[in-house]
Amino acid sequence: MNISKASNIVTITGNIKSVHDYQKIKESIDSLIASNKTIIINIQDSISITSSVIGYFTKLVQKEGIDVSLKVGDASLMELFDDLNLVTLFKVRKR
């Protein structure tokens, strides 16, 4: 998994599948929320996402008041967010 940042946009390529991936995502986003209250996360090709990342995104929205928007590239991941009723919370859209 690789992460790149530009302004308030985080782009994730590769599969999100480990605790290490969660830590990289958290560090990247934490560095942005100090100066941005709106974050756009592009998950380009991951087919899954760990529960720890979902929990972190939920905390950002519900406890920290961060406006999180997810753009996903894979239909399976989009379906997962839909099954978990998280499409509205994270403003999930298909890329």
Protein backbone atom coordinates (compact mmCIF):
# COMPACT_ATOMS: atom_id res chain seq x y z
CA MET A 1 0.00 0.00 0.00
CA ASN A 2 1.22 3.50 -0.84
CA ILE A 3 -0.09 6.88 0.31
CA SER A 4 0.36 10.29 -1.28
CA LYS A 5 -0.92 13.64 -0.01
CA ALA A 6 -1.70 16.90 -1.76
CA SER A 7 -3.47 19.73 0.06
CA ASN A 8 -6.44 18.04 1.77
CA ILE A 9 -6.48 14.96 -0.50
CA VAL A 10 -5.06 11.59 0.51
CA THR A 11 -4.61 9.00 -2.25
CA ILE A 12 -4.21 5.35 -1.28
CA THR A 13 -3.05 2.78 -3.83
CA GLY A 14 -2.82 -0.94 -3.21
CA ASN A 15 -4.75 -3.06 -0.73
CA ILE A 16 -5.48 -1.89 2.82
CA LYS A 17 -4.96 -5.07 4.83
CA SER A 18 -2.69 -4.70 7.87
CA VAL A 19 -2.17 -2.84 11.13
CA HIS A 20 0.84 -1.19 9.50
CA ASP A 21 -1.41 0.13 6.73
CA TYR A 22 -3.77 1.54 9.37
CA GLN A 23 -0.87 3.29 11.10
CA LYS A 24 0.33 4.84 7.81
CA ILE A 25 -3.18 6.06 6.96
CA LYS A 26 -3.69 7.48 10.46
CA GLU A 27 -0.33 9.30 10.44
CA SER A 28 -1.01 10.79 7.00
CA ILE A 29 -4.49 12.02 7.85
CA ASP A 30 -3.51 13.24 11.34
CA SER A 31 -0.90 15.49 9.75
CA LEU A 32 -3.59 17.02 7.50
CA ILE A 33 -6.39 17.58 10.01
CA ALA A 34 -4.31 20.09 11.94
CA SER A 35 -4.92 22.56 9.11
CA ASN A 36 -7.90 21.03 7.23
CA LYS A 37 -11.37 20.23 8.48
CA THR A 38 -12.34 18.67 5.14
CA ILE A 39 -10.46 15.58 3.95
CA ILE A 40 -10.94 13.73 0.66
CA ILE A 41 -9.65 10.16 0.63
CA ASN A 42 -9.18 8.42 -2.72
CA ILE A 43 -8.97 4.65 -2.30
CA GLN A 44 -7.97 3.78 -5.83
CA ASP A 45 -7.84 0.01 -6.03
CA SER A 46 -8.18 -1.64 -2.63
CA ILE A 47 -10.83 -4.36 -2.57
CA SER A 48 -11.15 -4.29 1.23
CA ILE A 49 -10.54 -2.13 4.27
CA THR A 50 -9.67 -3.06 7.85
CA SER A 51 -12.05 -2.48 10.72
CA SER A 52 -9.44 -0.30 12.44
CA VAL A 53 -9.42 2.10 9.45
CA ILE A 54 -13.24 2.20 9.44
CA GLY A 55 -13.18 2.93 13.17
CA TYR A 56 -10.63 5.70 12.67
CA PHE A 57 -12.72 7.31 9.90
CA THR A 58 -15.81 7.08 12.13
CA LYS A 59 -13.96 8.79 14.98
CA LEU A 60 -12.84 11.59 12.65
CA VAL A 61 -16.41 12.28 11.55
CA GLN A 62 -18.34 11.75 14.77
CA LYS A 63 -15.93 12.88 17.48
CA GLU A 64 -13.57 15.30 15.74
CA GLY A 65 -16.07 16.92 13.37
CA ILE A 66 -13.92 16.34 10.29
CA ASP A 67 -15.74 16.33 6.94
CA VAL A 68 -14.55 13.06 5.37
CA SER A 69 -15.35 12.14 1.75
CA LEU A 70 -14.29 8.80 0.31
CA LYS A 71 -13.87 8.04 -3.38
CA VAL A 72 -13.46 4.34 -4.06
CA GLY A 73 -12.32 2.70 -7.26
CA ASP A 74 -13.39 -0.88 -6.59
CA ALA A 75 -17.03 -2.02 -6.77
CA SER A 76 -16.51 -4.59 -3.99
CA LEU A 77 -15.32 -1.90 -1.58
CA MET A 78 -18.24 0.32 -2.53
CA GLU A 79 -20.57 -2.58 -1.81
CA LEU A 80 -18.90 -3.16 1.58
CA PHE A 81 -19.50 0.46 2.61
CA ASP A 82 -23.10 0.11 1.43
CA ASP A 83 -23.60 -3.15 3.38
CA LEU A 84 -22.25 -1.47 6.52
CA ASN A 85 -24.54 1.56 6.01
CA LEU A 86 -21.54 3.90 5.88
CA VAL A 87 -22.10 5.50 2.46
CA THR A 88 -23.84 8.55 3.91
CA LEU A 89 -21.53 8.96 6.92
CA PHE A 90 -18.37 8.98 4.79
CA LYS A 91 -19.97 10.47 1.64
CA VAL A 92 -18.71 7.46 -0.31
CA ARG A 93 -18.73 7.77 -4.11
CA LYS A 94 -17.49 5.58 -6.88
CA ARG A 95 -14.55 7.11 -8.75
